[in-house]
Amino acid sequence: MDKWAPFRRLADLPSAQALVELLLTREVPARIEAPYLLPGIDGYFIVAVPLDLLNRASWVAPEAPFDDAELAYLATGQLKTD
C-alpha cells in the first residue's frame, strides 16, 4: 500500500469521515486528505484509498451523498426512531 489515489472529493468533513468509516468497515483502507483548505476560502476534502483497491472502493461505496440520518447512524451506531 505504497501509493494512495484520490477516490472521492467531498465538501464537508463529516461526509468525508462517514465515507472513510464505511470503507474501513468493508475492509478498504482509507484516509482523509485536505490539500486545499485555506482560511476564508471554500475548500474540499479528498478521501483517498490505496491505488490497488480503487476499484473495490467504487464497488462498496455509495455514489449519493450521505443524508443526516445516515451520518448520525455512522457516528453513533444507533437508528433514530421517532
PDB file of N, CA and C in Angstrom:
ATOM      1  N   MET A   1       0.833  -1.186   0.000  1.00  0.00           N
ATOM      2  CA  MET A   1       0.000   0.000   0.000  1.00  0.00           C
ATOM      3  C   MET A   1       0.877   1.248   0.000  1.00  0.00           C
ATOM      4  N   ASP A   2       1.751   1.337  -0.942  1.00  0.00           N
ATOM      5  CA  ASP A   2       2.632   2.490  -1.012  1.00  0.00           C
ATOM      6  C   ASP A   2       1.939   3.706  -1.609  1.00  0.00           C
ATOM      7  N   LYS A   3       1.175   3.497  -2.647  1.00  0.00           N
ATOM      8  CA  LYS A   3       0.576   4.615  -3.366  1.00  0.00           C
ATOM      9  C   LYS A   3      -0.910   4.731  -3.050  1.00  0.00           C
ATOM     10  N   TRP A   4      -1.322   5.952  -2.718  1.00  0.00           N
ATOM     11  CA  TRP A   4      -2.719   6.244  -2.443  1.00  0.00           C
ATOM     12  C   TRP A   4      -3.268   7.056  -3.602  1.00  0.00           C
ATOM     13  N   ALA A   5      -4.531   6.825  -3.915  1.00  0.00           N
ATOM     14  CA  ALA A   5      -5.172   7.526  -5.019  1.00  0.00           C
ATOM     15  C   ALA A   5      -6.415   8.248  -4.512  1.00  0.00           C
ATOM     16  N   PRO A   6      -6.700   9.426  -5.039  1.00  0.00           N
ATOM     17  CA  PRO A   6      -7.947  10.103  -4.670  1.00  0.00           C
ATOM     18  C   PRO A   6      -9.135   9.258  -5.110  1.00  0.00           C
ATOM     19  N   PHE A   7     -10.073   9.059  -4.201  1.00  0.00           N
ATOM     20  CA  PHE A   7     -11.255   8.269  -4.526  1.00  0.00           C
ATOM     21  C   PHE A   7     -12.474   9.163  -4.719  1.00  0.00           C
ATOM     22  N   ARG A   8     -12.711  10.058  -3.772  1.00  0.00           N
ATOM     23  CA  ARG A   8     -13.865  10.935  -3.871  1.00  0.00           C
ATOM     24  C   ARG A   8     -13.550  12.275  -3.222  1.00  0.00           C
ATOM     25  N   ARG A   9     -14.095  13.336  -3.790  1.00  0.00           N
ATOM     26  CA  ARG A   9     -13.922  14.697  -3.275  1.00  0.00           C
ATOM     27  C   ARG A   9     -15.221  15.120  -2.609  1.00  0.00           C
ATOM     28  N   LEU A  10     -15.135  15.579  -1.355  1.00  0.00           N
ATOM     29  CA  LEU A  10     -16.322  15.960  -0.583  1.00  0.00           C
ATOM     30  C   LEU A  10     -16.155  17.361  -0.021  1.00  0.00           C
ATOM     31  N   ALA A  11     -17.272  18.059   0.108  1.00  0.00           N
ATOM     32  CA  ALA A  11     -17.230  19.454   0.539  1.00  0.00           C
ATOM     33  C   ALA A  11     -17.121  19.623   2.048  1.00  0.00           C
ATOM     34  N   ASP A  12     -17.517  18.594   2.829  1.00  0.00           N
ATOM     35  CA  ASP A  12     -17.511  18.770   4.279  1.00  0.00           C
ATOM     36  C   ASP A  12     -16.844  17.587   4.977  1.00  0.00           C
ATOM     37  N   LEU A  13     -16.282  17.879   6.145  1.00  0.00           N
ATOM     38  CA  LEU A  13     -15.544  16.874   6.902  1.00  0.00           C
ATOM     39  C   LEU A  13     -16.424  15.730   7.403  1.00  0.00           C
ATOM     40  N   PRO A  14     -17.644  15.987   7.935  1.00  0.00           N
ATOM     41  CA  PRO A  14     -18.461  14.854   8.395  1.00  0.00           C
ATOM     42  C   PRO A  14     -18.757  13.828   7.298  1.00  0.00           C
ATOM     43  N   SER A  15     -19.016  14.291   6.095  1.00  0.00           N
ATOM     44  CA  SER A  15     -19.264  13.353   4.990  1.00  0.00           C
ATOM     45  C   SER A  15     -18.007  12.567   4.645  1.00  0.00           C
ATOM     46  N   ALA A  16     -16.869  13.233   4.669  1.00  0.00           N
ATOM     47  CA  ALA A  16     -15.604  12.540   4.394  1.00  0.00           C
ATOM     48  C   ALA A  16     -15.327  11.496   5.472  1.00  0.00           C
ATOM     49  N   GLN A  17     -15.562  11.846   6.734  1.00  0.00           N
ATOM     50  CA  GLN A  17     -15.347  10.902   7.822  1.00  0.00           C
ATOM     51  C   GLN A  17     -16.294   9.709   7.715  1.00  0.00           C
ATOM     52  N   ALA A  18     -17.548   9.969   7.348  1.00  0.00           N
ATOM     53  CA  ALA A  18     -18.513   8.885   7.194  1.00  0.00           C
ATOM     54  C   ALA A  18     -18.101   7.937   6.075  1.00  0.00           C
ATOM     55  N   LEU A  19     -17.623   8.480   4.976  1.00  0.00           N
ATOM     56  CA  LEU A  19     -17.180   7.639   3.862  1.00  0.00           C
ATOM     57  C   LEU A  19     -15.971   6.803   4.264  1.00  0.00           C
ATOM     58  N   VAL A  20     -15.038   7.393   4.990  1.00  0.00           N
ATOM     59  CA  VAL A  20     -13.873   6.646   5.463  1.00  0.00           C
ATOM     60  C   VAL A  20     -14.323   5.503   6.370  1.00  0.00           C
ATOM     61  N   GLU A  21     -15.237   5.779   7.294  1.00  0.00           N
ATOM     62  CA  GLU A  21     -15.737   4.724   8.191  1.00  0.00           C
ATOM     63  C   GLU A  21     -16.405   3.607   7.408  1.00  0.00           C
ATOM     64  N   LEU A  22     -17.194   3.968   6.418  1.00  0.00           N
ATOM     65  CA  LEU A  22     -17.856   2.956   5.586  1.00  0.00           C
ATOM     66  C   LEU A  22     -16.832   2.090   4.872  1.00  0.00           C
ATOM     67  N   LEU A  23     -15.827   2.707   4.276  1.00  0.00           N
ATOM     68  CA  LEU A  23     -14.799   1.944   3.573  1.00  0.00           C
ATOM     69  C   LEU A  23     -14.022   1.049   4.532  1.00  0.00           C
ATOM     70  N   LEU A  24     -13.690   1.574   5.709  1.00  0.00           N
ATOM     71  CA  LEU A  24     -12.948   0.774   6.684  1.00  0.00           C
ATOM     72  C   LEU A  24     -13.748  -0.440   7.148  1.00  0.00           C
ATOM     73  N   THR A  25     -15.059  -0.282   7.345  1.00  0.00           N
ATOM     74  CA  THR A  25     -15.869  -1.423   7.769  1.00  0.00           C
ATOM     75  C   THR A  25     -15.975  -2.483   6.682  1.00  0.00           C
ATOM     76  N   ARG A  26     -15.721  -2.081   5.445  1.00  0.00           N
ATOM     77  CA  ARG A  26     -15.751  -3.036   4.330  1.00  0.00           C
ATOM     78  C   ARG A  26     -14.347  -3.416   3.882  1.00  0.00           C
ATOM     79  N   GLU A  27     -13.397  -3.250   4.802  1.00  0.00           N
ATOM     80  CA  GLU A  27     -12.010  -3.690   4.628  1.00  0.00           C
ATOM     81  C   GLU A  27     -11.269  -3.002   3.484  1.00  0.00           C
ATOM     82  N   VAL A  28     -11.592  -1.722   3.283  1.00  0.00           N
ATOM     83  CA  VAL A  28     -10.851  -0.905   2.326  1.00  0.00           C
ATOM     84  C   VAL A  28     -10.169   0.201   3.131  1.00  0.00           C
ATOM     85  N   PRO A  29      -8.849   0.182   3.251  1.00  0.00           N
ATOM     86  CA  PRO A  29      -8.161   1.254   3.965  1.00  0.00           C
ATOM     87  C   PRO A  29      -8.461   2.598   3.291  1.00  0.00           C
ATOM     88  N   ALA A  30      -8.662   3.621   4.106  1.00  0.00           N
ATOM     89  CA  ALA A  30      -8.984   4.942   3.566  1.00  0.00           C
ATOM     90  C   ALA A  30      -8.473   6.015   4.514  1.00  0.00           C
ATOM     91  N   ARG A  31      -8.219   7.174   3.954  1.00  0.00           N
ATOM     92  CA  ARG A  31      -7.786   8.310   4.768  1.00  0.00           C
ATOM     93  C   ARG A  31      -8.324   9.593   4.148  1.00  0.00           C
ATOM     94  N   ILE A  32      -8.337  10.633   4.970  1.00  0.00           N
ATOM     95  CA  ILE A  32      -8.803  11.944   4.519  1.00  0.00           C
ATOM     96  C   ILE A  32      -7.593  12.829   4.258  1.00  0.00           C
ATOM     97  N   GLU A  33      -7.628  13.491   3.129  1.00  0.00           N
ATOM     98  CA  GLU A  33      -6.609  14.470   2.797  1.00  0.00           C
ATOM     99  C   GLU A  33      -7.316  15.799   2.555  1.00  0.00           C
ATOM    100  N   ALA A  34      -6.683  16.876   2.958  1.00  0.00           N
ATOM    101  CA  ALA A  34      -7.269  18.202   2.780  1.00  0.00           C
ATOM    102  C   ALA A  34      -6.213  19.154   2.228  1.00  0.00           C
ATOM    103  N   PRO A  35      -5.839  18.967   0.981  1.00  0.00           N
ATOM    104  CA  PRO A  35      -4.735  19.763   0.432  1.00  0.00           C
ATOM    105  C   PRO A  35      -5.089  21.213   0.105  1.00  0.00           C
ATOM    106  N   TYR A  36      -6.372  21.520   0.009  1.00  0.00           N
ATOM    107  CA  TYR A  36      -6.750  22.851  -0.453  1.00  0.00           C
ATOM    108  C   TYR A  36      -7.594  23.620   0.555  1.00  0.00           C
ATOM    109  N   LEU A  37      -7.431  23.328   1.839  1.00  0.00           N
ATOM    110  CA  LEU A  37      -8.173  24.066   2.851  1.00  0.00           C
ATOM    111  C   LEU A  37      -7.353  25.269   3.288  1.00  0.00           C
ATOM    112  N   LEU A  38      -7.886  26.452   3.044  1.00  0.00           N
ATOM    113  CA  LEU A  38      -7.249  27.690   3.451  1.00  0.00           C
ATOM    114  C   LEU A  38      -8.276  28.535   4.186  1.00  0.00           C
ATOM    115  N   PRO A  39      -7.886  29.241   5.220  1.00  0.00           N
ATOM    116  CA  PRO A  39      -8.841  30.096   5.934  1.00  0.00           C
ATOM    117  C   PRO A  39      -9.515  31.096   4.996  1.00  0.00           C
ATOM    118  N   GLY A  40     -10.830  31.163   5.092  1.00  0.00           N
ATOM    119  CA  GLY A  40     -11.589  32.122   4.292  1.00  0.00           C
ATOM    120  C   GLY A  40     -11.872  31.691   2.871  1.00  0.00           C
ATOM    121  N   ILE A  41     -11.397  30.511   2.473  1.00  0.00           N
ATOM    122  CA  ILE A  41     -11.624  30.019   1.117  1.00  0.00           C
ATOM    123  C   ILE A  41     -12.291  28.647   1.212  1.00  0.00           C
ATOM    124  N   ASP A  42     -13.350  28.481   0.438  1.00  0.00           N
ATOM    125  CA  ASP A  42     -14.011  27.182   0.437  1.00  0.00           C
ATOM    126  C   ASP A  42     -13.064  26.137  -0.132  1.00  0.00           C
ATOM    127  N   GLY A  43     -12.866  25.095   0.628  1.00  0.00           N
ATOM    128  CA  GLY A  43     -12.007  24.011   0.177  1.00  0.00           C
ATOM    129  C   GLY A  43     -12.797  22.730   0.082  1.00  0.00           C
ATOM    130  N   TYR A  44     -12.098  21.642   0.026  1.00  0.00           N
ATOM    131  CA  TYR A  44     -12.756  20.344  -0.022  1.00  0.00           C
ATOM    132  C   TYR A  44     -11.836  19.307   0.586  1.00  0.00           C
ATOM    133  N   PHE A  45     -12.416  18.160   0.873  1.00  0.00           N
ATOM    134  CA  PHE A  45     -11.692  17.036   1.450  1.00  0.00           C
ATOM    135  C   PHE A  45     -11.644  15.926   0.419  1.00  0.00           C
ATOM    136  N   ILE A  46     -10.530  15.236   0.384  1.00  0.00           N
ATOM    137  CA  ILE A  46     -10.382  14.097  -0.518  1.00  0.00           C
ATOM    138  C   ILE A  46     -10.282  12.837   0.320  1.00  0.00           C
ATOM    139  N   VAL A  47     -11.093  11.860  -0.009  1.00  0.00           N
ATOM    140  CA  VAL A  47     -10.961  10.536   0.583  1.00  0.00           C
ATOM    141  C   VAL A  47     -10.078   9.744  -0.368  1.00  0.00           C
ATOM    142  N   ALA A  48      -8.976   9.261   0.161  1.00  0.00           N
ATOM    143  CA  ALA A  48      -8.007   8.519  -0.650  1.00  0.00           C
ATOM    144  C   ALA A  48      -7.968   7.064  -0.201  1.00  0.00           C
ATOM    145  N   VAL A  49      -7.732   6.184  -1.139  1.00  0.00           N
ATOM    146  CA  VAL A  49      -7.611   4.750  -0.867  1.00  0.00           C
ATOM    147  C   VAL A  49      -6.344   4.257  -1.561  1.00  0.00           C
ATOM    148  N   PRO A  50      -5.828   3.100  -1.145  1.00  0.00           N
ATOM    149  CA  PRO A  50      -4.671   2.545  -1.851  1.00  0.00           C
ATOM    150  C   PRO A  50      -4.996   2.334  -3.328  1.00  0.00           C
ATOM    151  N   LEU A  51      -4.050   2.643  -4.172  1.00  0.00           N
ATOM    152  CA  LEU A  51      -4.253   2.560  -5.614  1.00  0.00           C
ATOM    153  C   LEU A  51      -4.762   1.191  -6.053  1.00  0.00           C
ATOM    154  N   ASP A  52      -4.236   0.126  -5.450  1.00  0.00           N
ATOM    155  CA  ASP A  52      -4.653  -1.214  -5.865  1.00  0.00           C
ATOM    156  C   ASP A  52      -6.049  -1.587  -5.373  1.00  0.00           C
ATOM    157  N   LEU A  53      -6.667  -0.769  -4.506  1.00  0.00           N
ATOM    158  CA  LEU A  53      -8.025  -1.042  -4.028  1.00  0.00           C
ATOM    159  C   LEU A  53      -9.042  -0.018  -4.535  1.00  0.00           C
ATOM    160  N   LEU A  54      -8.662   0.774  -5.515  1.00  0.00           N
ATOM    161  CA  LEU A  54      -9.548   1.807  -6.042  1.00  0.00           C
ATOM    162  C   LEU A  54     -10.826   1.213  -6.638  1.00  0.00           C
ATOM    163  N   ASN A  55     -10.714   0.142  -7.386  1.00  0.00           N
ATOM    164  CA  ASN A  55     -11.911  -0.492  -7.963  1.00  0.00           C
ATOM    165  C   ASN A  55     -12.809  -1.065  -6.884  1.00  0.00           C
ATOM    166  N   ARG A  56     -12.228  -1.697  -5.885  1.00  0.00           N
ATOM    167  CA  ARG A  56     -13.033  -2.248  -4.780  1.00  0.00           C
ATOM    168  C   ARG A  56     -13.782  -1.137  -4.055  1.00  0.00           C
ATOM    169  N   ALA A  57     -13.129  -0.018  -3.832  1.00  0.00           N
ATOM    170  CA  ALA A  57     -13.771   1.101  -3.153  1.00  0.00           C
ATOM    171  C   ALA A  57     -14.985   1.585  -3.940  1.00  0.00           C
ATOM    172  N   SER A  58     -14.873   1.634  -5.243  1.00  0.00           N
ATOM    173  CA  SER A  58     -16.004   2.096  -6.047  1.00  0.00           C
ATOM    174  C   SER A  58     -17.171   1.113  -6.009  1.00  0.00           C
ATOM    175  N   TRP A  59     -16.897  -0.151  -5.734  1.00  0.00           N
ATOM    176  CA  TRP A  59     -17.972  -1.137  -5.613  1.00  0.00           C
ATOM    177  C   TRP A  59     -18.687  -1.045  -4.271  1.00  0.00           C
ATOM    178  N   VAL A  60     -17.957  -0.738  -3.214  1.00  0.00           N
ATOM    179  CA  VAL A  60     -18.562  -0.796  -1.882  1.00  0.00           C
ATOM    180  C   VAL A  60     -19.083   0.544  -1.374  1.00  0.00           C
ATOM    181  N   ALA A  61     -18.708   1.640  -1.999  1.00  0.00           N
ATOM    182  CA  ALA A  61     -19.121   2.960  -1.507  1.00  0.00           C
ATOM    183  C   ALA A  61     -20.272   3.512  -2.335  1.00  0.00           C
ATOM    184  N   PRO A  62     -21.210   4.158  -1.701  1.00  0.00           N
ATOM    185  CA  PRO A  62     -22.346   4.724  -2.437  1.00  0.00           C
ATOM    186  C   PRO A  62     -21.926   5.940  -3.251  1.00  0.00           C
ATOM    187  N   GLU A  63     -22.633   6.182  -4.319  1.00  0.00           N
ATOM    188  CA  GLU A  63     -22.371   7.363  -5.144  1.00  0.00           C
ATOM    189  C   GLU A  63     -23.072   8.593  -4.573  1.00  0.00           C
ATOM    190  N   ALA A  64     -24.227   8.407  -3.974  1.00  0.00           N
ATOM    191  CA  ALA A  64     -25.003   9.527  -3.454  1.00  0.00           C
ATOM    192  C   ALA A  64     -24.392  10.038  -2.147  1.00  0.00           C
ATOM    193  N   PRO A  65     -24.532  11.331  -1.885  1.00  0.00           N
ATOM    194  CA  PRO A  65     -24.033  11.857  -0.611  1.00  0.00           C
ATOM    195  C   PRO A  65     -24.846  11.309   0.553  1.00  0.00           C
ATOM    196  N   PHE A  66     -24.246  11.296   1.731  1.00  0.00           N
ATOM    197  CA  PHE A  66     -24.937  10.824   2.925  1.00  0.00           C
ATOM    198  C   PHE A  66     -25.968  11.855   3.363  1.00  0.00           C
ATOM    199  N   ASP A  67     -27.140  11.381   3.802  1.00  0.00           N
ATOM    200  CA  ASP A  67     -28.096  12.316   4.389  1.00  0.00           C
ATOM    201  C   ASP A  67     -27.849  12.384   5.900  1.00  0.00           C
ATOM    202  N   ASP A  68     -28.556  13.277   6.595  1.00  0.00           N
ATOM    203  CA  ASP A  68     -28.309  13.495   8.022  1.00  0.00           C
ATOM    204  C   ASP A  68     -28.541  12.236   8.852  1.00  0.00           C
ATOM    205  N   ALA A  69     -29.551  11.446   8.509  1.00  0.00           N
ATOM    206  CA  ALA A  69     -29.836  10.218   9.268  1.00  0.00           C
ATOM    207  C   ALA A  69     -28.694   9.212   9.121  1.00  0.00           C
ATOM    208  N   GLU A  70     -28.143   9.088   7.922  1.00  0.00           N
ATOM    209  CA  GLU A  70     -27.023   8.172   7.704  1.00  0.00           C
ATOM    210  C   GLU A  70     -25.781   8.631   8.452  1.00  0.00           C
ATOM    211  N   LEU A  71     -25.519   9.942   8.440  1.00  0.00           N
ATOM    212  CA  LEU A  71     -24.376  10.467   9.176  1.00  0.00           C
ATOM    213  C   LEU A  71     -24.519  10.204  10.671  1.00  0.00           C
ATOM    214  N   ALA A  72     -25.737  10.402  11.201  1.00  0.00           N
ATOM    215  CA  ALA A  72     -25.973  10.155  12.626  1.00  0.00           C
ATOM    216  C   ALA A  72     -25.786   8.679  12.959  1.00  0.00           C
ATOM    217  N   TYR A  73     -26.269   7.793  12.092  1.00  0.00           N
ATOM    218  CA  TYR A  73     -26.118   6.361  12.335  1.00  0.00           C
ATOM    219  C   TYR A  73     -24.645   5.951  12.295  1.00  0.00           C
ATOM    220  N   LEU A  74     -23.901   6.445  11.319  1.00  0.00           N
ATOM    221  CA  LEU A  74     -22.487   6.101  11.233  1.00  0.00           C
ATOM    222  C   LEU A  74     -21.697   6.654  12.413  1.00  0.00           C
ATOM    223  N   ALA A  75     -22.120   7.792  12.952  1.00  0.00           N
ATOM    224  CA  ALA A  75     -21.425   8.395  14.079  1.00  0.00           C
ATOM    225  C   ALA A  75     -21.753   7.702  15.402  1.00  0.00           C
ATOM    226  N   THR A  76     -23.016   7.281  15.565  1.00  0.00           N
ATOM    227  CA  THR A  76     -23.456   6.746  16.861  1.00  0.00           C
ATOM    228  C   THR A  76     -23.736   5.253  16.845  1.00  0.00           C
ATOM    229  N   GLY A  77     -24.009   4.703  15.687  1.00  0.00           N
ATOM    230  CA  GLY A  77     -24.363   3.289  15.615  1.00  0.00           C
ATOM    231  C   GLY A  77     -25.807   3.024  15.987  1.00  0.00           C
ATOM    232  N   GLN A  78     -26.593   4.084  16.189  1.00  0.00           N
ATOM    233  CA  GLN A  78     -27.981   3.928  16.589  1.00  0.00           C
ATOM    234  C   GLN A  78     -28.898   4.542  15.542  1.00  0.00           C
ATOM    235  N   LEU A  79     -30.006   3.842  15.300  1.00  0.00           N
ATOM    236  CA  LEU A  79     -31.014   4.361  14.388  1.00  0.00           C
ATOM    237  C   LEU A  79     -31.928   5.308  15.139  1.00  0.00           C
ATOM    238  N   LYS A  80     -32.254   6.401  14.501  1.00  0.00           N
ATOM    239  CA  LYS A  80     -33.168   7.376  15.098  1.00  0.00           C
ATOM    240  C   LYS A  80     -34.599   6.873  14.902  1.00  0.00           C
ATOM    241  N   THR A  81     -35.329   6.735  15.986  1.00  0.00           N
ATOM    242  CA  THR A  81     -36.732   6.293  15.890  1.00  0.00           C
ATOM    243  C   THR A  81     -37.621   7.385  16.451  1.00  0.00           C
ATOM    244  N   ASP A  82     -38.406   8.005  15.579  1.00  0.00           N
ATOM    245  CA  ASP A  82     -39.361   8.994  16.038  1.00  0.00           C
ATOM    246  C   ASP A  82     -40.618   8.952  15.246  1.00  0.00           C
TER     247      ASP A  82
END
